[in-house]
PDB file of N, CA and C in Angstrom:
ATOM      1  N   MET A   1     166.192 -21.256 -98.256  1.00  0.00           N
ATOM      2  CA  MET A   1     166.200 -22.625 -97.792  1.00  0.00           C
ATOM      3  C   MET A   1     167.518 -23.309 -98.152  1.00  0.00           C
ATOM      4  N   SER A   2     168.085 -23.006 -99.320  1.00  0.00           N
ATOM      5  CA  SER A   2     169.330 -23.654 -99.726  1.00  0.00           C
ATOM      6  C   SER A   2     170.488 -23.243 -98.826  1.00  0.00           C
ATOM      7  N   ASP A   3     170.422 -22.025 -98.252  1.00  0.00           N
ATOM      8  CA  ASP A   3     171.461 -21.612 -97.295  1.00  0.00           C
ATOM      9  C   ASP A   3     171.425 -22.504 -96.062  1.00  0.00           C
ATOM     10  N   ASN A   4     170.226 -22.836 -95.623  1.00  0.00           N
ATOM     11  CA  ASN A   4     170.088 -23.726 -94.467  1.00  0.00           C
ATOM     12  C   ASN A   4     170.660 -25.097 -94.775  1.00  0.00           C
ATOM     13  N   ILE A   5     170.377 -25.590 -95.962  1.00  0.00           N
ATOM     14  CA  ILE A   5     170.889 -26.905 -96.365  1.00  0.00           C
ATOM     15  C   ILE A   5     172.410 -26.873 -96.418  1.00  0.00           C
ATOM     16  N   ARG A   6     172.972 -25.793 -96.977  1.00  0.00           N
ATOM     17  CA  ARG A   6     174.433 -25.671 -97.033  1.00  0.00           C
ATOM     18  C   ARG A   6     175.027 -25.604 -95.628  1.00  0.00           C
ATOM     19  N   THR A   7     174.367 -24.882 -94.743  1.00  0.00           N
ATOM     20  CA  THR A   7     174.852 -24.769 -93.365  1.00  0.00           C
ATOM     21  C   THR A   7     174.848 -26.130 -92.681  1.00  0.00           C
ATOM     22  N   VAL A   8     173.751 -26.871 -92.846  1.00  0.00           N
ATOM     23  CA  VAL A   8     173.658 -28.208 -92.254  1.00  0.00           C
ATOM     24  C   VAL A   8     174.709 -29.123 -92.869  1.00  0.00           C
ATOM     25  N   ALA A   9     174.898 -29.051 -94.176  1.00  0.00           N
ATOM     26  CA  ALA A   9     175.898 -29.887 -94.853  1.00  0.00           C
ATOM     27  C   ALA A   9     177.297 -29.547 -94.356  1.00  0.00           C
ATOM     28  N   ALA A  10     177.586 -28.258 -94.188  1.00  0.00           N
ATOM     29  CA  ALA A  10     178.904 -27.850 -93.684  1.00  0.00           C
ATOM     30  C   ALA A  10     179.102 -28.368 -92.264  1.00  0.00           C
ATOM     31  N   GLY A  11     178.045 -28.273 -91.464  1.00  0.00           N
ATOM     32  CA  GLY A  11     178.126 -28.795 -90.094  1.00  0.00           C
ATOM     33  C   GLY A  11     178.365 -30.293 -90.088  1.00  0.00           C
ATOM     34  N   ALA A  12     177.697 -30.992 -90.981  1.00  0.00           N
ATOM     35  CA  ALA A  12     177.882 -32.444 -91.077  1.00  0.00           C
ATOM     36  C   ALA A  12     179.308 -32.770 -91.494  1.00  0.00           C
ATOM     37  N   GLU A  13     179.857 -31.988 -92.411  1.00  0.00           N
ATOM     38  CA  GLU A  13     181.246 -32.205 -92.838  1.00  0.00           C
ATOM     39  C   GLU A  13     182.210 -31.979 -91.679  1.00  0.00           C
ATOM     40  N   GLU A  14     181.957 -30.912 -90.913  1.00  0.00           N
ATOM     41  CA  GLU A  14     182.814 -30.633 -89.757  1.00  0.00           C
ATOM     42  C   GLU A  14     182.721 -31.756 -88.734  1.00  0.00           C
ATOM     43  N   MET A  15     181.509 -32.257 -88.502  1.00  0.00           N
ATOM     44  CA  MET A  15     181.350 -33.376 -87.580  1.00  0.00           C
ATOM     45  C   MET A  15     182.067 -34.604 -88.101  1.00  0.00           C
ATOM     46  N   GLY A  16     181.973 -34.835 -89.398  1.00  0.00           N
ATOM     47  CA  GLY A  16     182.679 -35.971 -89.997  1.00  0.00           C
ATOM     48  C   GLY A  16     184.174 -35.854 -89.776  1.00  0.00           C
ATOM     49  N   ALA A  17     184.719 -34.651 -89.945  1.00  0.00           N
ATOM     50  CA  ALA A  17     186.154 -34.432 -89.710  1.00  0.00           C
ATOM     51  C   ALA A  17     186.486 -34.672 -88.244  1.00  0.00           C
ATOM     52  N   SER A  18     185.611 -34.218 -87.357  1.00  0.00           N
ATOM     53  CA  SER A  18     185.831 -34.437 -85.922  1.00  0.00           C
ATOM     54  C   SER A  18     185.816 -35.920 -85.596  1.00  0.00           C
ATOM     55  N   ILE A  19     184.892 -36.641 -86.195  1.00  0.00           N
ATOM     56  CA  ILE A  19     184.813 -38.086 -85.962  1.00  0.00           C
ATOM     57  C   ILE A  19     186.094 -38.761 -86.432  1.00  0.00           C
ATOM     58  N   ARG A  20     186.604 -38.339 -87.585  1.00  0.00           N
ATOM     59  CA  ARG A  20     187.854 -38.932 -88.076  1.00  0.00           C
ATOM     60  C   ARG A  20     188.991 -38.646 -87.101  1.00  0.00           C
ATOM     61  N   GLU A  21     189.038 -37.426 -86.564  1.00  0.00           N
ATOM     62  CA  GLU A  21     190.085 -37.076 -85.601  1.00  0.00           C
ATOM     63  C   GLU A  21     189.942 -37.900 -84.323  1.00  0.00           C
ATOM     64  N   ILE A  22     188.716 -38.057 -83.854  1.00  0.00           N
ATOM     65  CA  ILE A  22     188.481 -38.857 -82.649  1.00  0.00           C
ATOM     66  C   ILE A  22     188.872 -40.302 -82.900  1.00  0.00           C
ATOM     67  N   SER A  23     188.530 -40.812 -84.065  1.00  0.00           N
ATOM     68  CA  SER A  23     188.896 -42.181 -84.420  1.00  0.00           C
ATOM     69  C   SER A  23     190.406 -42.348 -84.430  1.00  0.00           C
ATOM     70  N   LEU A  24     191.105 -41.357 -84.986  1.00  0.00           N
ATOM     71  CA  LEU A  24     192.568 -41.400 -84.992  1.00  0.00           C
ATOM     72  C   LEU A  24     193.093 -41.375 -83.563  1.00  0.00           C
ATOM     73  N   GLY A  25     192.484 -40.535 -82.726  1.00  0.00           N
ATOM     74  CA  GLY A  25     192.887 -40.479 -81.316  1.00  0.00           C
ATOM     75  C   GLY A  25     192.659 -41.807 -80.619  1.00  0.00           C
ATOM     76  N   ALA A  26     191.531 -42.461 -80.904  1.00  0.00           N
ATOM     77  CA  ALA A  26     191.243 -43.766 -80.303  1.00  0.00           C
ATOM     78  C   ALA A  26     192.260 -44.802 -80.766  1.00  0.00           C
ATOM     79  N   THR A  27     192.619 -44.739 -82.037  1.00  0.00           N
ATOM     80  CA  THR A  27     193.627 -45.661 -82.565  1.00  0.00           C
ATOM     81  C   THR A  27     194.963 -45.440 -81.872  1.00  0.00           C
ATOM     82  N   LYS A  28     195.347 -44.179 -81.725  1.00  0.00           N
ATOM     83  CA  LYS A  28     196.616 -43.880 -81.049  1.00  0.00           C
ATOM     84  C   LYS A  28     196.571 -44.334 -79.592  1.00  0.00           C
ATOM     85  N   ALA A  29     195.432 -44.140 -78.932  1.00  0.00           N
ATOM     86  CA  ALA A  29     195.299 -44.583 -77.543  1.00  0.00           C
ATOM     87  C   ALA A  29     195.446 -46.098 -77.451  1.00  0.00           C
ATOM     88  N   ALA A  30     194.863 -46.812 -78.412  1.00  0.00           N
ATOM     89  CA  ALA A  30     194.996 -48.268 -78.430  1.00  0.00           C
ATOM     90  C   ALA A  30     196.449 -48.672 -78.653  1.00  0.00           C
ATOM     91  N   GLU A  31     197.159 -47.932 -79.507  1.00  0.00           N
ATOM     92  CA  GLU A  31     198.577 -48.226 -79.736  1.00  0.00           C
ATOM     93  C   GLU A  31     199.389 -47.989 -78.467  1.00  0.00           C
ATOM     94  N   VAL A  32     199.077 -46.917 -77.761  1.00  0.00           N
ATOM     95  CA  VAL A  32     199.769 -46.632 -76.494  1.00  0.00           C
ATOM     96  C   VAL A  32     199.496 -47.754 -75.496  1.00  0.00           C
ATOM     97  N   ALA A  33     198.250 -48.201 -75.437  1.00  0.00           N
ATOM     98  CA  ALA A  33     197.900 -49.294 -74.532  1.00  0.00           C
ATOM     99  C   ALA A  33     198.664 -50.562 -74.899  1.00  0.00           C
ATOM    100  N   ALA A  34     198.775 -50.850 -76.190  1.00  0.00           N
ATOM    101  CA  ALA A  34     199.516 -52.033 -76.634  1.00  0.00           C
ATOM    102  C   ALA A  34     200.984 -51.925 -76.243  1.00  0.00           C
ATOM    103  N   ARG A  35     201.561 -50.726 -76.412  1.00  0.00           N
ATOM    104  CA  ARG A  35     202.959 -50.536 -76.006  1.00  0.00           C
ATOM    105  C   ARG A  35     203.109 -50.710 -74.496  1.00  0.00           C
ATOM    106  N   ALA A  36     202.139 -50.213 -73.743  1.00  0.00           N
ATOM    107  CA  ALA A  36     202.196 -50.350 -72.286  1.00  0.00           C
ATOM    108  C   ALA A  36     202.125 -51.819 -71.877  1.00  0.00           C
ATOM    109  N   VAL A  37     201.290 -52.596 -72.577  1.00  0.00           N
ATOM    110  CA  VAL A  37     201.212 -54.032 -72.300  1.00  0.00           C
ATOM    111  C   VAL A  37     202.565 -54.682 -72.588  1.00  0.00           C
ATOM    112  N   HIS A  38     203.192 -54.298 -73.693  1.00  0.00           N
ATOM    113  CA  HIS A  38     204.510 -54.833 -74.043  1.00  0.00           C
ATOM    114  C   HIS A  38     205.535 -54.475 -72.963  1.00  0.00           C
ATOM    115  N   ILE A  39     205.500 -53.238 -72.498  1.00  0.00           N
ATOM    116  CA  ILE A  39     206.432 -52.799 -71.458  1.00  0.00           C
ATOM    117  C   ILE A  39     206.195 -53.585 -70.174  1.00  0.00           C
ATOM    118  N   THR A  40     204.930 -53.824 -69.849  1.00  0.00           N
ATOM    119  CA  THR A  40     204.609 -54.597 -68.650  1.00  0.00           C
ATOM    120  C   THR A  40     205.178 -56.008 -68.765  1.00  0.00           C
ATOM    121  N   ALA A  41     205.038 -56.617 -69.936  1.00  0.00           N
ATOM    122  CA  ALA A  41     205.582 -57.962 -70.147  1.00  0.00           C
ATOM    123  C   ALA A  41     207.101 -57.952 -70.014  1.00  0.00           C
ATOM    124  N   ALA A  42     207.737 -56.944 -70.597  1.00  0.00           N
ATOM    125  CA  ALA A  42     209.196 -56.842 -70.502  1.00  0.00           C
ATOM    126  C   ALA A  42     209.622 -56.630 -69.055  1.00  0.00           C
ATOM    127  N   THR A  43     208.869 -55.830 -68.326  1.00  0.00           N
ATOM    128  CA  THR A  43     209.189 -55.573 -66.926  1.00  0.00           C
ATOM    129  C   THR A  43     209.061 -56.852 -66.112  1.00  0.00           C
ATOM    130  N   SER A  44     208.071 -57.672 -66.430  1.00  0.00           N
ATOM    131  CA  SER A  44     207.919 -58.951 -65.736  1.00  0.00           C
ATOM    132  C   SER A  44     209.138 -59.832 -65.972  1.00  0.00           C
ATOM    133  N   GLY A  45     209.658 -59.805 -67.200  1.00  0.00           N
ATOM    134  CA  GLY A  45     210.875 -60.559 -67.507  1.00  0.00           C
ATOM    135  C   GLY A  45     212.054 -60.059 -66.696  1.00  0.00           C
ATOM    136  N   VAL A  46     212.151 -58.753 -66.549  1.00  0.00           N
ATOM    137  CA  VAL A  46     213.234 -58.166 -65.751  1.00  0.00           C
ATOM    138  C   VAL A  46     213.105 -58.613 -64.303  1.00  0.00           C
ATOM    139  N   MET A  47     211.877 -58.626 -63.800  1.00  0.00           N
ATOM    140  CA  MET A  47     211.684 -59.056 -62.413  1.00  0.00           C
ATOM    141  C   MET A  47     212.080 -60.518 -62.234  1.00  0.00           C
ATOM    142  N   ALA A  48     211.785 -61.356 -63.224  1.00  0.00           N
ATOM    143  CA  ALA A  48     212.174 -62.766 -63.147  1.00  0.00           C
ATOM    144  C   ALA A  48     213.696 -62.889 -63.115  1.00  0.00           C
ATOM    145  N   LYS A  49     214.369 -62.104 -63.955  1.00  0.00           N
ATOM    146  CA  LYS A  49     215.833 -62.130 -63.958  1.00  0.00           C
ATOM    147  C   LYS A  49     216.389 -61.622 -62.635  1.00  0.00           C
ATOM    148  N   LEU A  50     215.743 -60.615 -62.067  1.00  0.00           N
ATOM    149  CA  LEU A  50     216.178 -60.127 -60.758  1.00  0.00           C
ATOM    150  C   LEU A  50     216.029 -61.215 -59.701  1.00  0.00           C
ATOM    151  N   GLY A  51     214.971 -61.997 -59.803  1.00  0.00           N
ATOM    152  CA  GLY A  51     214.782 -63.118 -58.880  1.00  0.00           C
ATOM    153  C   GLY A  51     215.896 -64.142 -59.017  1.00  0.00           C
ATOM    154  N   GLU A  52     216.289 -64.431 -60.259  1.00  0.00           N
ATOM    155  CA  GLU A  52     217.405 -65.356 -60.492  1.00  0.00           C
ATOM    156  C   GLU A  52     218.694 -64.793 -59.916  1.00  0.00           C
ATOM    157  N   SER A  53     218.907 -63.510 -60.150  1.00  0.00           N
ATOM    158  CA  SER A  53     220.107 -62.862 -59.620  1.00  0.00           C
ATOM    159  C   SER A  53     220.110 -62.902 -58.105  1.00  0.00           C
ATOM    160  N   SER A  54     218.960 -62.721 -57.528  1.00  0.00           N
ATOM    161  CA  SER A  54     218.843 -62.759 -56.076  1.00  0.00           C
ATOM    162  C   SER A  54     219.239 -64.138 -55.549  1.00  0.00           C
ATOM    163  N   ALA A  55     218.837 -65.189 -56.256  1.00  0.00           N
ATOM    164  CA  ALA A  55     219.213 -66.548 -55.853  1.00  0.00           C
ATOM    165  C   ALA A  55     220.722 -66.747 -55.947  1.00  0.00           C
ATOM    166  N   GLU A  56     221.335 -66.202 -56.990  1.00  0.00           N
ATOM    167  CA  GLU A  56     222.788 -66.313 -57.142  1.00  0.00           C
ATOM    168  C   GLU A  56     223.512 -65.560 -56.036  1.00  0.00           C
ATOM    169  N   ILE A  57     222.951 -64.445 -55.642  1.00  0.00           N
ATOM    170  CA  ILE A  57     223.570 -63.660 -54.573  1.00  0.00           C
ATOM    171  C   ILE A  57     223.598 -64.471 -53.282  1.00  0.00           C
ATOM    172  N   GLY A  58     222.625 -65.346 -53.104  1.00  0.00           N
ATOM    173  CA  GLY A  58     222.593 -66.193 -51.912  1.00  0.00           C
ATOM    174  C   GLY A  58     223.821 -67.068 -51.786  1.00  0.00           C
ATOM    175  N   ASN A  59     224.498 -67.336 -52.899  1.00  0.00           N
ATOM    176  CA  ASN A  59     225.703 -68.165 -52.884  1.00  0.00           C
ATOM    177  C   ASN A  59     226.959 -67.372 -52.537  1.00  0.00           C
ATOM    178  N   VAL A  60     226.869 -66.078 -52.445  1.00  0.00           N
ATOM    179  CA  VAL A  60     228.009 -65.220 -52.130  1.00  0.00           C
ATOM    180  C   VAL A  60     228.136 -65.135 -50.610  1.00  0.00           C
ATOM    181  N   SER A  61     229.241 -64.628 -50.135  1.00  0.00           N
ATOM    182  CA  SER A  61     229.447 -64.538 -48.684  1.00  0.00           C
ATOM    183  C   SER A  61     228.338 -63.733 -48.023  1.00  0.00           C
ATOM    184  N   VAL A  62     228.129 -63.983 -46.756  1.00  0.00           N
ATOM    185  CA  VAL A  62     227.013 -63.396 -46.019  1.00  0.00           C
ATOM    186  C   VAL A  62     227.062 -61.871 -46.022  1.00  0.00           C
ATOM    187  N   SER A  63     228.213 -61.291 -45.791  1.00  0.00           N
ATOM    188  CA  SER A  63     228.276 -59.825 -45.730  1.00  0.00           C
ATOM    189  C   SER A  63     228.013 -59.205 -47.096  1.00  0.00           C
ATOM    190  N   GLU A  64     228.581 -59.809 -48.131  1.00  0.00           N
ATOM    191  CA  GLU A  64     228.340 -59.299 -49.482  1.00  0.00           C
ATOM    192  C   GLU A  64     226.876 -59.500 -49.868  1.00  0.00           C
ATOM    193  N   ALA A  65     226.337 -60.631 -49.470  1.00  0.00           N
ATOM    194  CA  ALA A  65     224.942 -60.924 -49.793  1.00  0.00           C
ATOM    195  C   ALA A  65     224.008 -59.938 -49.104  1.00  0.00           C
ATOM    196  N   ALA A  66     224.329 -59.582 -47.872  1.00  0.00           N
ATOM    197  CA  ALA A  66     223.475 -58.640 -47.145  1.00  0.00           C
ATOM    198  C   ALA A  66     223.451 -57.292 -47.854  1.00  0.00           C
ATOM    199  N   SER A  67     224.624 -56.840 -48.276  1.00  0.00           N
ATOM    200  CA  SER A  67     224.702 -55.555 -48.971  1.00  0.00           C
ATOM    201  C   SER A  67     223.991 -55.618 -50.324  1.00  0.00           C
ATOM    202  N   ALA A  68     224.327 -56.630 -51.103  1.00  0.00           N
ATOM    203  CA  ALA A  68     223.729 -56.769 -52.432  1.00  0.00           C
ATOM    204  C   ALA A  68     222.234 -57.054 -52.332  1.00  0.00           C
ATOM    205  N   GLY A  69     221.853 -57.833 -51.325  1.00  0.00           N
ATOM    206  CA  GLY A  69     220.437 -58.156 -51.144  1.00  0.00           C
ATOM    207  C   GLY A  69     219.604 -56.912 -50.913  1.00  0.00           C
ATOM    208  N   GLY A  70     220.150 -55.984 -50.136  1.00  0.00           N
ATOM    209  CA  GLY A  70     219.440 -54.726 -49.912  1.00  0.00           C
ATOM    210  C   GLY A  70     219.271 -53.948 -51.197  1.00  0.00           C
ATOM    211  N   GLN A  71     220.321 -53.948 -52.006  1.00  0.00           N
ATOM    212  CA  GLN A  71     220.244 -53.242 -53.286  1.00  0.00           C
ATOM    213  C   GLN A  71     219.241 -53.918 -54.216  1.00  0.00           C
ATOM    214  N   VAL A  72     219.272 -55.241 -54.246  1.00  0.00           N
ATOM    215  CA  VAL A  72     218.332 -55.972 -55.102  1.00  0.00           C
ATOM    216  C   VAL A  72     216.901 -55.737 -54.625  1.00  0.00           C
ATOM    217  N   ALA A  73     216.704 -55.764 -53.315  1.00  0.00           N
ATOM    218  CA  ALA A  73     215.358 -55.533 -52.781  1.00  0.00           C
ATOM    219  C   ALA A  73     214.855 -54.149 -53.172  1.00  0.00           C
ATOM    220  N   ALA A  74     215.739 -53.156 -53.068  1.00  0.00           N
ATOM    221  CA  ALA A  74     215.344 -51.800 -53.458  1.00  0.00           C
ATOM    222  C   ALA A  74     215.007 -51.750 -54.946  1.00  0.00           C
ATOM    223  N   THR A  75     215.821 -52.431 -55.750  1.00  0.00           N
ATOM    224  CA  THR A  75     215.578 -52.456 -57.199  1.00  0.00           C
ATOM    225  C   THR A  75     214.265 -53.168 -57.510  1.00  0.00           C
ATOM    226  N   ILE A  76     214.028 -54.281 -56.843  1.00  0.00           N
ATOM    227  CA  ILE A  76     212.779 -55.025 -57.061  1.00  0.00           C
ATOM    228  C   ILE A  76     211.581 -54.156 -56.676  1.00  0.00           C
ATOM    229  N   ASN A  77     211.706 -53.429 -55.572  1.00  0.00           N
ATOM    230  CA  ASN A  77     210.611 -52.533 -55.169  1.00  0.00           C
ATOM    231  C   ASN A  77     210.362 -51.466 -56.226  1.00  0.00           C
ATOM    232  N   GLU A  78     211.433 -50.908 -56.774  1.00  0.00           N
ATOM    233  CA  GLU A  78     211.285 -49.896 -57.821  1.00  0.00           C
ATOM    234  C   GLU A  78     210.639 -50.491 -59.068  1.00  0.00           C
ATOM    235  N   VAL A  79     211.076 -51.688 -59.440  1.00  0.00           N
ATOM    236  CA  VAL A  79     210.500 -52.343 -60.622  1.00  0.00           C
ATOM    237  C   VAL A  79     209.027 -52.668 -60.375  1.00  0.00           C
ATOM    238  N   ALA A  80     208.718 -53.140 -59.163  1.00  0.00           N
ATOM    239  CA  ALA A  80     207.322 -53.450 -58.833  1.00  0.00           C
ATOM    240  C   ALA A  80     206.461 -52.193 -58.923  1.00  0.00           C
ATOM    241  N   SER A  81     206.992 -51.082 -58.440  1.00  0.00           N
ATOM    242  CA  SER A  81     206.259 -49.814 -58.542  1.00  0.00           C
ATOM    243  C   SER A  81     206.049 -49.436 -60.003  1.00  0.00           C
ATOM    244  N   SER A  82     207.084 -49.641 -60.817  1.00  0.00           N
ATOM    245  CA  SER A  82     206.969 -49.334 -62.248  1.00  0.00           C
ATOM    246  C   SER A  82     205.914 -50.209 -62.911  1.00  0.00           C
ATOM    247  N   VAL A  83     205.895 -51.479 -62.551  1.00  0.00           N
ATOM    248  CA  VAL A  83     204.896 -52.400 -63.112  1.00  0.00           C
ATOM    249  C   VAL A  83     203.497 -51.935 -62.723  1.00  0.00           C
ATOM    250  N   GLN A  84     203.337 -51.553 -61.464  1.00  0.00           N
ATOM    251  CA  GLN A  84     202.024 -51.099 -61.007  1.00  0.00           C
ATOM    252  C   GLN A  84     201.595 -49.842 -61.759  1.00  0.00           C
ATOM    253  N   LEU A  85     202.512 -48.880 -61.899  1.00  0.00           N
ATOM    254  CA  LEU A  85     202.184 -47.650 -62.618  1.00  0.00           C
ATOM    255  C   LEU A  85     201.870 -47.937 -64.084  1.00  0.00           C
ATOM    256  N   THR A  86     202.627 -48.861 -64.679  1.00  0.00           N
ATOM    257  CA  THR A  86     202.378 -49.223 -66.074  1.00  0.00           C
ATOM    258  C   THR A  86     201.005 -49.865 -66.216  1.00  0.00           C
ATOM    259  N   SER A  87     200.656 -50.739 -65.276  1.00  0.00           N
ATOM    260  CA  SER A  87     199.344 -51.382 -65.317  1.00  0.00           C
ATOM    261  C   SER A  87     198.230 -50.352 -65.200  1.00  0.00           C
ATOM    262  N   VAL A  88     198.414 -49.381 -64.311  1.00  0.00           N
ATOM    263  CA  VAL A  88     197.422 -48.311 -64.162  1.00  0.00           C
ATOM    264  C   VAL A  88     197.315 -47.527 -65.470  1.00  0.00           C
ATOM    265  N   GLY A  89     198.477 -47.218 -66.079  1.00  0.00           N
ATOM    266  CA  GLY A  89     198.482 -46.487 -67.346  1.00  0.00           C
ATOM    267  C   GLY A  89     197.784 -47.258 -68.450  1.00  0.00           C
ATOM    268  N   VAL A  90     198.017 -48.568 -68.496  1.00  0.00           N
ATOM    269  CA  VAL A  90     197.358 -49.409 -69.506  1.00  0.00           C
ATOM    270  C   VAL A  90     195.848 -49.376 -69.295  1.00  0.00           C
ATOM    271  N   SER A  91     195.438 -49.503 -68.048  1.00  0.00           N
ATOM    272  CA  SER A  91     194.004 -49.480 -67.748  1.00  0.00           C
ATOM    273  C   SER A  91     193.381 -48.146 -68.142  1.00  0.00           C
ATOM    274  N   GLU A  92     194.059 -47.045 -67.808  1.00  0.00           N
ATOM    275  CA  GLU A  92     193.533 -45.722 -68.151  1.00  0.00           C
ATOM    276  C   GLU A  92     193.492 -45.518 -69.665  1.00  0.00           C
ATOM    277  N   ALA A  93     194.526 -45.974 -70.360  1.00  0.00           N
ATOM    278  CA  ALA A  93     194.546 -45.840 -71.819  1.00  0.00           C
ATOM    279  C   ALA A  93     193.422 -46.665 -72.444  1.00  0.00           C
ATOM    280  N   HIS A  94     193.199 -47.856 -71.901  1.00  0.00           N
ATOM    281  CA  HIS A  94     192.123 -48.714 -72.409  1.00  0.00           C
ATOM    282  C   HIS A  94     190.764 -48.045 -72.187  1.00  0.00           C
ATOM    283  N   GLN A  95     190.562 -47.481 -71.000  1.00  0.00           N
ATOM    284  CA  GLN A  95     189.304 -46.794 -70.712  1.00  0.00           C
ATOM    285  C   GLN A  95     189.124 -45.584 -71.622  1.00  0.00           C
ATOM    286  N   ALA A  96     190.204 -44.830 -71.836  1.00  0.00           N
ATOM    287  CA  ALA A  96     190.133 -43.653 -72.712  1.00  0.00           C
ATOM    288  C   ALA A  96     189.792 -44.069 -74.141  1.00  0.00           C
ATOM    289  N   ALA A  97     190.392 -45.157 -74.600  1.00  0.00           N
ATOM    290  CA  ALA A  97     190.104 -45.637 -75.952  1.00  0.00           C
ATOM    291  C   ALA A  97     188.632 -46.030 -76.067  1.00  0.00           C
ATOM    292  N   GLY A  98     188.104 -46.657 -75.025  1.00  0.00           N
ATOM    293  CA  GLY A  98     186.687 -47.026 -75.031  1.00  0.00           C
ATOM    294  C   GLY A  98     185.783 -45.806 -75.080  1.00  0.00           C
ATOM    295  N   ARG A  99     186.135 -44.788 -74.288  1.00  0.00           N
ATOM    296  CA  ARG A  99     185.336 -43.560 -74.297  1.00  0.00           C
ATOM    297  C   ARG A  99     185.401 -42.888 -75.664  1.00  0.00           C
ATOM    298  N   LEU A 100     186.595 -42.845 -76.260  1.00  0.00           N
ATOM    299  CA  LEU A 100     186.737 -42.228 -77.579  1.00  0.00           C
ATOM    300  C   LEU A 100     185.924 -42.983 -78.624  1.00  0.00           C
ATOM    301  N   THR A 101     185.920 -44.291 -78.528  1.00  0.00           N
ATOM    302  CA  THR A 101     185.157 -45.099 -79.475  1.00  0.00           C
ATOM    303  C   THR A 101     183.663 -44.814 -79.332  1.00  0.00           C
ATOM    304  N   ARG A 102     183.188 -44.732 -78.080  1.00  0.00           N
ATOM    305  CA  ARG A 102     181.763 -44.437 -77.863  1.00  0.00           C
ATOM    306  C   ARG A 102     181.414 -43.039 -78.372  1.00  0.00           C
ATOM    307  N   MET A 103     182.275 -42.059 -78.107  1.00  0.00           N
ATOM    308  CA  MET A 103     182.016 -40.695 -78.584  1.00  0.00           C
ATOM    309  C   MET A 103     181.997 -40.656 -80.109  1.00  0.00           C
ATOM    310  N   SER A 104     182.894 -41.399 -80.722  1.00  0.00           N
ATOM    311  CA  SER A 104     182.950 -41.435 -82.180  1.00  0.00           C
ATOM    312  C   SER A 104     181.649 -42.003 -82.739  1.00  0.00           C
ATOM    313  N   ALA A 105     181.164 -43.059 -82.121  1.00  0.00           N
ATOM    314  CA  ALA A 105     179.910 -43.662 -82.578  1.00  0.00           C
ATOM    315  C   ALA A 105     178.743 -42.696 -82.390  1.00  0.00           C
ATOM    316  N   GLU A 106     178.720 -42.019 -81.243  1.00  0.00           N
ATOM    317  CA  GLU A 106     177.652 -41.049 -80.992  1.00  0.00           C
ATOM    318  C   GLU A 106     177.686 -39.920 -82.019  1.00  0.00           C
ATOM    319  N   LEU A 107     178.875 -39.408 -82.311  1.00  0.00           N
ATOM    320  CA  LEU A 107     178.989 -38.353 -83.318  1.00  0.00           C
ATOM    321  C   LEU A 107     178.563 -38.865 -84.689  1.00  0.00           C
ATOM    322  N   GLY A 108     178.881 -40.108 -84.982  1.00  0.00           N
ATOM    323  CA  GLY A 108     178.462 -40.695 -86.251  1.00  0.00           C
ATOM    324  C   GLY A 108     176.948 -40.715 -86.383  1.00  0.00           C
ATOM    325  N   HIS A 109     176.272 -41.046 -85.284  1.00  0.00           N
ATOM    326  CA  HIS A 109     174.804 -41.042 -85.305  1.00  0.00           C
ATOM    327  C   HIS A 109     174.267 -39.623 -85.496  1.00  0.00           C
ATOM    328  N   ILE A 110     174.893 -38.659 -84.854  1.00  0.00           N
ATOM    329  CA  ILE A 110     174.460 -37.262 -84.997  1.00  0.00           C
ATOM    330  C   ILE A 110     174.636 -36.801 -86.440  1.00  0.00           C
ATOM    331  N   VAL A 111     175.789 -37.099 -87.019  1.00  0.00           N
ATOM    332  CA  VAL A 111     176.053 -36.706 -88.408  1.00  0.00           C
ATOM    333  C   VAL A 111     175.046 -37.372 -89.337  1.00  0.00           C
ATOM    334  N   ALA A 112     174.735 -38.622 -89.073  1.00  0.00           N
ATOM    335  CA  ALA A 112     173.791 -39.348 -89.926  1.00  0.00           C
ATOM    336  C   ALA A 112     172.418 -38.680 -89.923  1.00  0.00           C
ATOM    337  N   ARG A 113     172.049 -38.085 -88.807  1.00  0.00           N
ATOM    338  CA  ARG A 113     170.753 -37.406 -88.738  1.00  0.00           C
ATOM    339  C   ARG A 113     170.716 -36.151 -89.600  1.00  0.00           C
ATOM    340  N   PHE A 114     171.871 -35.514 -89.822  1.00  0.00           N
ATOM    341  CA  PHE A 114     171.927 -34.275 -90.594  1.00  0.00           C
ATOM    342  C   PHE A 114     172.127 -34.508 -92.093  1.00  0.00           C
ATOM    343  N   ARG A 115     172.487 -35.691 -92.451  1.00  0.00           N
ATOM    344  CA  ARG A 115     172.695 -35.971 -93.878  1.00  0.00           C
ATOM    345  C   ARG A 115     171.359 -36.024 -94.585  1.00  0.00           C
ATOM    346  N   LEU A 116     171.372 -35.545 -95.819  1.00  0.00           N
ATOM    347  CA  LEU A 116     170.122 -35.500 -96.596  1.00  0.00           C
ATOM    348  C   LEU A 116     170.033 -36.647 -97.558  1.00  0.00           C
TER     349      LEU A 116
END
């Protein structure tokens, strides 16, 4: 009988270690999400500056403005795409962190059932 108890205790310890690893993973995912939010905010600032630059370009001669305007438009499109991808990444990281948190809680309940 004591072998069974030791086996269950070892399993509980392994589950506890797994829960700690999952918790660490959830923490890292939350940190990644926070960094992504920061990047999104910084990207929004860049887009605002691009808008200001675009207004200044309007004061330049028509031919120069047409050329530069095309470049700015292309850059704005690229930045907008980056913002969209970053937002998607933030959402996915947030969802992953939520799933990891739920799994960690579920494992905690399982481990609690095996503790004596």
